[in-house]
Amino acid sequence: MRLRDLGEFGLIDLIQRKTPRTPGVRLGIGDDAAWVSTADDSLLFTSDLLVEGVHFSLDWISMRDLGHKSLTASLSDIAAMGGRPAYFLLSLALPDLTTQRAAALIRGIHAVAAEHRVALVGGDTCAADRMIIDVFLAGFAPYGAVTRGGARVGDDIYVTGTLGDSALGLALLSKPRAQVSARDRNYLIRRHHHPTARVKTGMQLAREGLARAMMDVSDGLAQDLGHICRASGTGAVVRQELVPLSPAFARVAGPGDLACALAGGEDYELLFTAASGDRKSVERVARRTGVAIARIGECVPKKHGVTLVDPRGESVPLAAPGYDHFKGAC
């Protein structure tokens, strides 16, 4: 069997099975971040790898935006655990860039680090034929870690912000379309290049004990909701008309673009479940943090699978594959 047959998540499962249990590890491989105990506290660890030609094209993205996105991906993982990010290591494999371009990359990283009050404390560098950026981020779990495995039948399913903007922005970069306004095009492409980590919202949901299961939407709603359902032993029903779309997405999207909202990755919004009795509390978190939160469905018994109810009331499996690094994109 080759890796393309096993797939990205099959490889992760293989590594997980071969990894021995270690004292002090509260949560290891298989969630958005690891959770470990220290002498008097606990820490969250995550890392994200960005590879030129796989995750980004230097023909499309500025160095400053690339720096922003590289740290945001890791910040989003800590947000999905309800944690507070604190320190990060930055490792760079770089071709022979100009010093001005390298400096722009670092400025982008430092700008988002300052926004979230995280400190760069080390890393590594080397020369390479193409750019590789690796961010290792550590944070605290002051309210415990919210995992993917806590959803219960009857829970509401929520997402922050809007979905599909990043994927549609990437589609516009890959194949420009006529009759798309500059304003909408720039908005969608910026959502792809300059995402936002919902750290405050994740922490507030954890602080109030509202999110029973949570992860960030990095590989697409369908795939990431599937991860929560598998970890929690539930199914799910998503109502298509409740999936939040930005005005720009609604104006630009064509008949075949629904997949951008249902399966497109790199929105870095939070996907979580909460008890149906906590709806008012979830609405209060949205107001307090200034981030929209939309209820899009509910958890159902596992035997019903993960389904989408379309505007006509018909149910279809929500089984879009999202992105798999070894099998290829959806």
Protein backbone atom coordinates (compact mmCIF):
# COMPACT_ATOMS: atom_id res chain seq x y z
CA MET A 1 0.00 0.00 0.00
CA ARG A 2 1.19 3.49 -0.87
CA LEU A 3 0.50 6.68 1.09
CA ARG A 4 -1.92 7.80 -1.61
CA ASP A 5 -3.95 4.65 -0.85
CA LEU A 6 -3.73 5.10 2.92
CA GLY A 7 -4.52 8.82 2.87
CA GLU A 8 -3.58 11.62 5.25
CA PHE A 9 -5.90 10.54 8.06
CA GLY A 10 -5.02 6.89 7.59
CA LEU A 11 -1.39 7.87 8.11
CA ILE A 12 -2.30 9.82 11.26
CA ASP A 13 -4.20 6.78 12.55
CA LEU A 14 -1.17 4.58 11.82
CA ILE A 15 1.15 6.91 13.73
CA GLN A 16 -1.33 7.07 16.61
CA ARG A 17 -1.54 3.27 16.87
CA LYS A 18 2.25 2.97 16.93
CA THR A 19 2.72 5.68 19.57
CA PRO A 20 2.98 4.38 23.16
CA ARG A 21 0.93 5.98 25.94
CA THR A 22 2.96 8.35 28.09
CA PRO A 23 2.20 9.61 31.62
CA GLY A 24 1.24 13.25 31.69
CA VAL A 25 -0.32 13.23 28.22
CA ARG A 26 -3.98 14.05 28.75
CA LEU A 27 -4.73 14.11 25.03
CA GLY A 28 -2.29 13.06 22.35
CA ILE A 29 -2.57 12.54 18.60
CA GLY A 30 -5.94 13.02 16.96
CA ASP A 31 -7.32 16.41 17.96
CA ASP A 32 -6.56 20.02 17.01
CA ALA A 33 -3.85 20.19 19.67
CA ALA A 34 -2.19 17.93 22.22
CA TRP A 35 -2.90 18.54 25.92
CA VAL A 36 -0.24 17.69 28.50
CA SER A 37 0.12 18.11 32.25
CA THR A 38 2.89 20.07 33.92
CA ALA A 39 3.81 20.27 37.61
CA ASP A 40 1.17 22.89 38.39
CA ASP A 41 -0.65 23.59 35.11
CA SER A 42 -1.36 22.13 31.67
CA LEU A 43 -0.25 23.07 28.18
CA LEU A 44 -1.59 22.78 24.64
CA PHE A 45 0.79 22.02 21.75
CA THR A 46 0.14 22.26 18.02
CA SER A 47 2.14 22.64 14.81
CA ASP A 48 1.28 23.54 11.24
CA LEU A 49 3.33 23.09 8.11
CA LEU A 50 2.95 25.25 4.99
CA VAL A 51 4.72 24.13 1.83
CA GLU A 52 5.13 26.21 -1.32
CA GLY A 53 3.23 24.66 -4.20
CA VAL A 54 0.98 22.71 -1.82
CA HIS A 55 -0.49 25.27 0.58
CA PHE A 56 0.35 28.51 -1.23
CA SER A 57 1.72 30.04 -4.41
CA LEU A 58 4.11 32.96 -4.23
CA ASP A 59 2.56 34.18 -7.48
CA TRP A 60 -0.68 34.86 -5.59
CA ILE A 61 0.11 35.80 -2.01
CA SER A 62 2.22 38.59 -0.54
CA MET A 63 4.99 37.67 1.87
CA ARG A 64 3.32 39.64 4.65
CA ASP A 65 0.00 37.82 4.17
CA LEU A 66 1.86 34.51 4.05
CA GLY A 67 3.43 35.30 7.42
CA HIS A 68 0.02 36.19 8.83
CA LYS A 69 -1.59 32.99 7.54
CA SER A 70 1.20 30.71 8.75
CA LEU A 71 0.77 31.71 12.40
CA THR A 72 -3.02 32.03 12.17
CA ALA A 73 -3.34 28.35 11.24
CA SER A 74 -1.73 27.34 14.54
CA LEU A 75 -3.58 29.97 16.55
CA SER A 76 -6.82 28.54 15.21
CA ASP A 77 -5.92 25.09 16.56
CA ILE A 78 -5.44 26.50 20.06
CA ALA A 79 -8.70 28.46 19.69
CA ALA A 80 -10.49 25.22 18.81
CA MET A 81 -9.38 23.72 22.14
CA GLY A 82 -10.61 26.77 24.05
CA GLY A 83 -7.03 27.67 24.95
CA ARG A 84 -4.90 30.78 25.32
CA PRO A 85 -1.88 30.81 22.94
CA ALA A 86 1.41 31.93 24.48
CA TYR A 87 4.71 30.97 22.78
CA PHE A 88 5.78 29.71 19.37
CA LEU A 89 8.77 28.33 17.49
CA LEU A 90 9.25 29.24 13.84
CA SER A 91 11.22 27.04 11.44
CA LEU A 92 11.88 28.25 7.90
CA ALA A 93 13.28 26.49 4.86
CA LEU A 94 13.87 29.25 2.32
CA PRO A 95 15.08 29.66 -1.25
CA ASP A 96 17.35 32.59 -2.09
CA LEU A 97 14.84 35.37 -1.38
CA THR A 98 15.70 39.03 -1.19
CA THR A 99 16.13 40.26 2.35
CA GLN A 100 13.19 42.61 1.76
CA ARG A 101 10.85 39.70 1.04
CA ALA A 102 12.13 37.72 4.01
CA ALA A 103 11.60 40.76 6.23
CA ALA A 104 8.03 41.14 4.94
CA LEU A 105 7.31 37.52 5.89
CA ILE A 106 8.55 38.15 9.43
CA ARG A 107 6.55 41.39 9.67
CA GLY A 108 3.39 39.47 8.84
CA ILE A 109 4.14 36.90 11.52
CA HIS A 110 4.96 39.52 14.14
CA ALA A 111 1.80 41.51 13.37
CA VAL A 112 -0.53 38.60 14.14
CA ALA A 113 1.67 37.58 17.09
CA ALA A 114 1.28 41.04 18.59
CA GLU A 115 -2.48 40.96 18.06
CA HIS A 116 -2.76 37.73 20.05
CA ARG A 117 0.05 38.48 22.50
CA VAL A 118 2.14 35.45 21.65
CA ALA A 119 5.94 35.46 21.72
CA LEU A 120 8.38 34.05 19.20
CA VAL A 121 10.99 32.22 21.29
CA GLY A 122 13.11 30.28 18.77
CA GLY A 123 13.08 27.91 15.83
CA ASP A 124 15.35 26.85 12.98
CA THR A 125 16.33 27.93 9.46
CA CYS A 126 17.85 26.28 6.43
CA ALA A 127 18.19 26.77 2.68
CA ALA A 128 15.83 24.92 0.35
CA ASP A 129 14.62 24.83 -3.25
CA ARG A 130 11.14 25.97 -2.17
CA MET A 131 9.70 27.66 0.87
CA ILE A 132 8.54 25.63 3.88
CA ILE A 133 7.14 27.28 7.01
CA ASP A 134 6.60 25.32 10.22
CA VAL A 135 5.00 26.92 13.28
CA PHE A 136 4.99 25.12 16.63
CA LEU A 137 2.69 26.87 19.09
CA ALA A 138 2.22 26.31 22.82
CA GLY A 139 -0.62 27.66 24.91
CA PHE A 140 -2.47 27.24 28.18
CA ALA A 141 -5.79 25.55 28.89
CA PRO A 142 -7.14 27.64 31.77
CA TYR A 143 -10.64 26.16 31.45
CA GLY A 144 -9.61 22.67 30.39
CA ALA A 145 -9.37 21.58 26.77
CA VAL A 146 -12.44 21.26 24.55
CA THR A 147 -11.98 18.14 22.44
CA ARG A 148 -13.70 16.76 19.36
CA GLY A 149 -15.22 13.92 21.35
CA GLY A 150 -17.78 15.59 23.62
CA ALA A 151 -20.81 16.00 21.36
CA ARG A 152 -24.06 14.37 22.44
CA VAL A 153 -27.23 13.41 20.62
CA GLY A 154 -29.55 16.42 20.73
CA ASP A 155 -26.75 19.00 20.76
CA ASP A 156 -27.02 22.00 18.47
CA ILE A 157 -24.25 22.43 15.87
CA TYR A 158 -22.76 25.90 15.40
CA VAL A 159 -20.16 27.67 13.29
CA THR A 160 -18.63 31.10 13.71
CA GLY A 161 -18.41 33.64 10.89
CA THR A 162 -19.15 32.54 7.34
CA LEU A 163 -18.08 29.49 5.36
CA GLY A 164 -16.74 29.01 1.85
CA ASP A 165 -15.08 32.39 1.40
CA SER A 166 -11.55 31.02 1.43
CA ALA A 167 -12.29 28.22 -1.04
CA LEU A 168 -14.13 30.55 -3.39
CA GLY A 169 -11.29 33.07 -3.12
CA LEU A 170 -8.85 30.33 -4.11
CA ALA A 171 -11.11 29.40 -7.03
CA LEU A 172 -11.01 33.00 -8.25
CA LEU A 173 -7.22 33.00 -8.03
CA SER A 174 -7.02 29.73 -9.96
CA LYS A 175 -9.53 30.72 -12.63
CA PRO A 176 -10.63 34.36 -12.78
CA ARG A 177 -14.28 34.94 -13.62
CA ALA A 178 -15.90 37.65 -15.66
CA GLN A 179 -18.50 39.95 -14.11
CA VAL A 180 -17.16 39.63 -10.56
CA SER A 181 -16.77 43.02 -8.94
CA ALA A 182 -13.34 44.04 -7.72
CA ARG A 183 -14.80 44.54 -4.25
CA ASP A 184 -16.18 40.99 -4.00
CA ARG A 185 -13.10 39.45 -5.58
CA ASN A 186 -10.77 41.27 -3.19
CA TYR A 187 -12.90 40.34 -0.17
CA LEU A 188 -12.94 36.62 -1.00
CA ILE A 189 -9.25 36.47 -1.86
CA ARG A 190 -8.39 38.33 1.34
CA ARG A 191 -10.40 35.78 3.32
CA HIS A 192 -8.19 33.11 1.74
CA HIS A 193 -4.91 34.94 2.32
CA HIS A 194 -5.65 36.73 5.59
CA PRO A 195 -7.86 34.51 7.82
CA THR A 196 -8.80 35.25 11.42
CA ALA A 197 -8.23 32.90 14.36
CA ARG A 198 -11.27 32.98 16.67
CA VAL A 199 -9.23 32.83 19.87
CA LYS A 200 -11.45 35.03 22.03
CA THR A 201 -14.59 33.18 21.00
CA GLY A 202 -13.02 29.78 21.66
CA MET A 203 -11.82 30.85 25.10
CA GLN A 204 -15.20 32.33 26.02
CA LEU A 205 -17.03 29.15 24.96
CA ALA A 206 -14.61 27.13 27.10
CA ARG A 207 -14.82 29.56 30.03
CA GLU A 208 -18.61 29.25 30.15
CA GLY A 209 -18.56 25.49 29.55
CA LEU A 210 -20.77 25.85 26.48
CA ALA A 211 -18.82 24.01 23.76
CA ARG A 212 -19.10 20.27 24.31
CA ALA A 213 -17.06 19.43 21.20
CA MET A 214 -15.11 21.85 19.01
CA MET A 215 -12.60 22.08 16.18
CA ASP A 216 -11.66 24.59 13.53
CA VAL A 217 -12.83 24.41 9.93
CA SER A 218 -9.52 23.88 8.19
CA ASP A 219 -10.42 20.95 5.92
CA GLY A 220 -14.04 21.84 5.17
CA LEU A 221 -17.32 21.64 7.09
CA ALA A 222 -18.25 18.16 5.85
CA GLN A 223 -14.93 16.57 6.71
CA ASP A 224 -14.44 18.39 10.01
CA LEU A 225 -17.99 17.69 11.21
CA GLY A 226 -17.32 14.07 10.33
CA HIS A 227 -14.30 14.14 12.66
CA ILE A 228 -16.45 15.42 15.53
CA CYS A 229 -19.12 12.80 14.88
CA ARG A 230 -16.61 9.95 14.75
CA ALA A 231 -14.87 11.10 17.91
CA SER A 232 -18.18 11.60 19.72
CA GLY A 233 -20.08 8.58 18.43
CA THR A 234 -22.93 10.61 16.94
CA GLY A 235 -24.44 11.51 13.60
CA ALA A 236 -25.45 14.97 12.45
CA VAL A 237 -28.01 16.82 10.39
CA VAL A 238 -26.99 20.11 8.74
CA ARG A 239 -29.64 22.38 7.24
CA GLN A 240 -28.31 23.96 4.08
CA GLU A 241 -30.30 27.19 4.43
CA LEU A 242 -28.69 27.80 7.85
CA VAL A 243 -25.08 27.54 6.65
CA PRO A 244 -23.79 31.14 6.95
CA LEU A 245 -22.56 32.73 3.72
CA SER A 246 -21.03 36.17 3.29
CA PRO A 247 -22.77 38.68 0.99
CA ALA A 248 -19.75 38.49 -1.33
CA PHE A 249 -20.01 34.69 -1.50
CA ALA A 250 -23.74 34.90 -2.26
CA ARG A 251 -23.17 37.38 -5.09
CA VAL A 252 -20.26 35.52 -6.69
CA ALA A 253 -21.15 31.85 -6.19
CA GLY A 254 -22.51 29.94 -9.14
CA PRO A 255 -24.56 26.72 -9.21
CA GLY A 256 -21.48 24.56 -8.65
CA ASP A 257 -19.99 26.57 -5.80
CA LEU A 258 -21.99 25.16 -2.89
CA ALA A 259 -19.10 22.74 -2.36
CA CYS A 260 -16.93 25.71 -1.37
CA ALA A 261 -19.15 26.28 1.66
CA LEU A 262 -19.69 22.62 2.52
CA ALA A 263 -16.29 21.15 1.72
CA GLY A 264 -13.90 24.07 1.19
CA GLY A 265 -11.11 24.41 3.71
CA GLU A 266 -9.04 27.15 5.34
CA ASP A 267 -11.92 29.24 6.66
CA TYR A 268 -10.46 28.74 10.18
CA GLU A 269 -13.87 29.30 11.74
CA LEU A 270 -14.92 27.37 14.84
CA LEU A 271 -17.27 24.41 14.53
CA PHE A 272 -18.79 23.31 17.83
CA THR A 273 -21.73 21.66 19.51
CA ALA A 274 -23.65 22.89 22.55
CA ALA A 275 -26.67 21.77 24.53
CA SER A 276 -29.96 22.95 23.03
CA GLY A 277 -30.81 24.62 26.35
CA ASP A 278 -27.77 26.91 26.01
CA ARG A 279 -28.88 28.83 22.92
CA LYS A 280 -29.27 32.14 24.75
CA SER A 281 -25.82 31.73 26.29
CA VAL A 282 -24.25 31.04 22.88
CA GLU A 283 -25.95 34.17 21.51
CA ARG A 284 -24.48 36.13 24.42
CA VAL A 285 -20.98 34.89 23.57
CA ALA A 286 -21.48 36.09 19.99
CA ARG A 287 -22.44 39.55 21.22
CA ARG A 288 -19.63 39.69 23.76
CA THR A 289 -16.90 38.69 21.32
CA GLY A 290 -18.30 40.50 18.28
CA VAL A 291 -18.19 37.31 16.17
CA ALA A 292 -21.34 35.97 14.52
CA ILE A 293 -22.31 32.43 15.53
CA ALA A 294 -24.85 30.49 13.44
CA ARG A 295 -26.75 27.37 14.48
CA ILE A 296 -26.69 25.07 11.45
CA GLY A 297 -28.08 21.75 12.64
CA GLU A 298 -28.13 19.17 15.39
CA CYS A 299 -26.47 15.95 16.49
CA VAL A 300 -28.48 12.76 15.95
CA PRO A 301 -27.86 9.07 16.70
CA LYS A 302 -24.82 7.63 14.95
CA LYS A 303 -26.91 5.22 12.85
CA HIS A 304 -28.33 8.17 10.88
CA GLY A 305 -24.90 9.26 9.65
CA VAL A 306 -24.05 12.83 8.66
CA THR A 307 -26.61 14.34 6.32
CA LEU A 308 -27.51 17.62 4.64
CA VAL A 309 -31.12 18.79 4.35
CA ASP A 310 -31.49 20.89 1.20
CA PRO A 311 -33.96 23.78 0.81
CA ARG A 312 -36.58 21.35 -0.57
CA GLY A 313 -36.40 19.28 2.61
CA GLU A 314 -34.58 16.36 0.98
CA SER A 315 -31.75 14.67 2.88
CA VAL A 316 -28.50 13.67 1.21
CA PRO A 317 -25.27 12.35 2.74
CA LEU A 318 -22.85 15.12 3.72
CA ALA A 319 -19.81 13.19 2.67
CA ALA A 320 -17.67 15.65 0.70
CA PRO A 321 -14.06 14.56 1.25
CA GLY A 322 -12.42 17.92 1.90
CA TYR A 323 -8.66 17.99 1.39
CA ASP A 324 -6.35 15.02 1.83
CA HIS A 325 -2.64 15.71 1.35
CA PHE A 326 -1.89 12.26 -0.04
CA LYS A 327 -5.06 11.60 -2.01
CA GLY A 328 -5.41 15.13 -3.37
CA ALA A 329 -7.98 17.89 -3.12
CA CYS A 330 -11.72 17.38 -3.42
